[in-house]
Amino acid sequence: MDAVRREVNVSLVAHLFPGEIGYREFMAHIGEDDLERYVMKKLPDAQLDALEDHLLICPECREQLVETERYVLAIRAAAAKIQESGATE
């Protein structure tokens, strides 16, 4: 089954990026910094399509994205709480 999945992924990459990117580059997991920039909507447009395409076929990176979203939400909530407590003092 893994061989079939890999063949489908290789075909998908070749279809999406003809002559632009190889399978190995496409399948490389997304770094935490890029996921954080994506969640905060700070990722450059040039990287956006490739990252979203990779997320379509990579369950590990989708899970990491969910964890990153939770982290960013927690940081924002903590910052808001600090700001509120500073405003009331």
Protein backbone atom coordinates (compact mmCIF):
# COMPACT_ATOMS: atom_id res chain seq x y z
CA MET A 1 0.00 0.00 0.00
CA ASP A 2 2.82 2.44 0.79
CA ALA A 3 4.28 1.96 -2.69
CA VAL A 4 0.92 2.77 -4.25
CA ARG A 5 0.50 5.86 -2.03
CA ARG A 6 4.01 7.04 -2.93
CA GLU A 7 3.31 6.58 -6.64
CA VAL A 8 0.09 8.59 -6.35
CA ASN A 9 1.96 11.33 -4.46
CA VAL A 10 4.75 11.40 -7.05
CA SER A 11 2.14 11.77 -9.79
CA LEU A 12 0.36 14.50 -7.84
CA VAL A 13 3.57 16.47 -7.36
CA ALA A 14 4.46 16.12 -11.04
CA HIS A 15 0.98 17.32 -12.00
CA LEU A 16 0.94 20.26 -9.57
CA PHE A 17 4.52 21.39 -10.19
CA PRO A 18 5.63 20.25 -13.64
CA GLY A 19 9.38 20.69 -13.82
CA GLU A 20 9.44 22.96 -10.77
CA ILE A 21 9.91 20.81 -7.69
CA GLY A 22 10.83 17.23 -6.95
CA TYR A 23 8.97 14.71 -4.84
CA ARG A 24 11.58 14.79 -2.08
CA GLU A 25 11.34 18.58 -1.73
CA PHE A 26 7.55 18.47 -1.79
CA MET A 27 7.38 15.74 0.85
CA ALA A 28 9.82 17.45 3.23
CA HIS A 29 7.92 18.28 6.40
CA ILE A 30 7.06 21.90 7.03
CA GLY A 31 9.23 23.63 9.63
CA GLU A 32 7.74 25.04 12.81
CA ASP A 33 8.68 28.60 11.85
CA ASP A 34 6.79 28.32 8.56
CA LEU A 35 3.76 26.84 10.32
CA GLU A 36 3.76 29.70 12.82
CA ARG A 37 4.01 32.26 10.01
CA TYR A 38 1.17 30.46 8.20
CA VAL A 39 -1.08 30.50 11.28
CA MET A 40 -0.30 34.18 11.88
CA LYS A 41 -0.90 34.94 8.19
CA LYS A 42 2.69 36.17 7.77
CA LEU A 43 3.91 33.52 5.31
CA PRO A 44 5.05 35.03 1.99
CA ASP A 45 2.66 34.40 -0.89
CA ALA A 46 5.44 32.63 -2.79
CA GLN A 47 5.44 29.85 -0.15
CA LEU A 48 1.71 29.72 0.55
CA ASP A 49 0.55 27.45 -2.29
CA ALA A 50 3.30 24.87 -1.77
CA LEU A 51 2.65 24.75 1.98
CA GLU A 52 -1.10 24.29 1.51
CA ASP A 53 -0.56 21.64 -1.16
CA HIS A 54 1.78 19.75 1.17
CA LEU A 55 -0.80 19.92 3.96
CA LEU A 56 -3.29 18.17 1.69
CA ILE A 57 -1.21 14.99 1.59
CA CYS A 58 0.75 15.04 4.86
CA PRO A 59 -1.14 14.02 8.01
CA GLU A 60 1.91 14.65 10.21
CA CYS A 61 2.12 18.28 9.12
CA ARG A 62 -1.65 18.73 9.50
CA GLU A 63 -1.36 17.52 13.08
CA GLN A 64 1.59 19.83 13.69
CA LEU A 65 -0.51 22.67 12.22
CA VAL A 66 -3.29 21.99 14.75
CA GLU A 67 -0.74 22.05 17.59
CA THR A 68 0.74 25.28 16.25
CA GLU A 69 -2.72 26.87 16.03
CA ARG A 70 -3.38 25.92 19.68
CA TYR A 71 -0.01 27.36 20.70
CA VAL A 72 -0.62 30.66 18.91
CA LEU A 73 -4.13 30.93 20.41
CA ALA A 74 -2.72 30.30 23.90
CA ILE A 75 -0.02 32.94 23.44
CA ARG A 76 -2.57 35.46 22.17
CA ALA A 77 -4.89 34.71 25.11
CA ALA A 78 -2.04 35.11 27.58
CA ALA A 79 -0.97 38.38 25.99
CA ALA A 80 -4.56 39.69 26.15
CA LYS A 81 -4.79 38.71 29.81
CA ILE A 82 -1.51 40.49 30.60
CA GLN A 83 -2.69 43.56 28.70
CA GLU A 84 -6.01 43.56 30.60
CA SER A 85 -4.32 43.23 33.99
CA GLY A 86 -1.93 46.04 33.11
CA ALA A 87 -4.81 48.28 32.08
CA THR A 88 -6.65 47.76 35.38
CA GLU A 89 -3.66 48.55 37.63
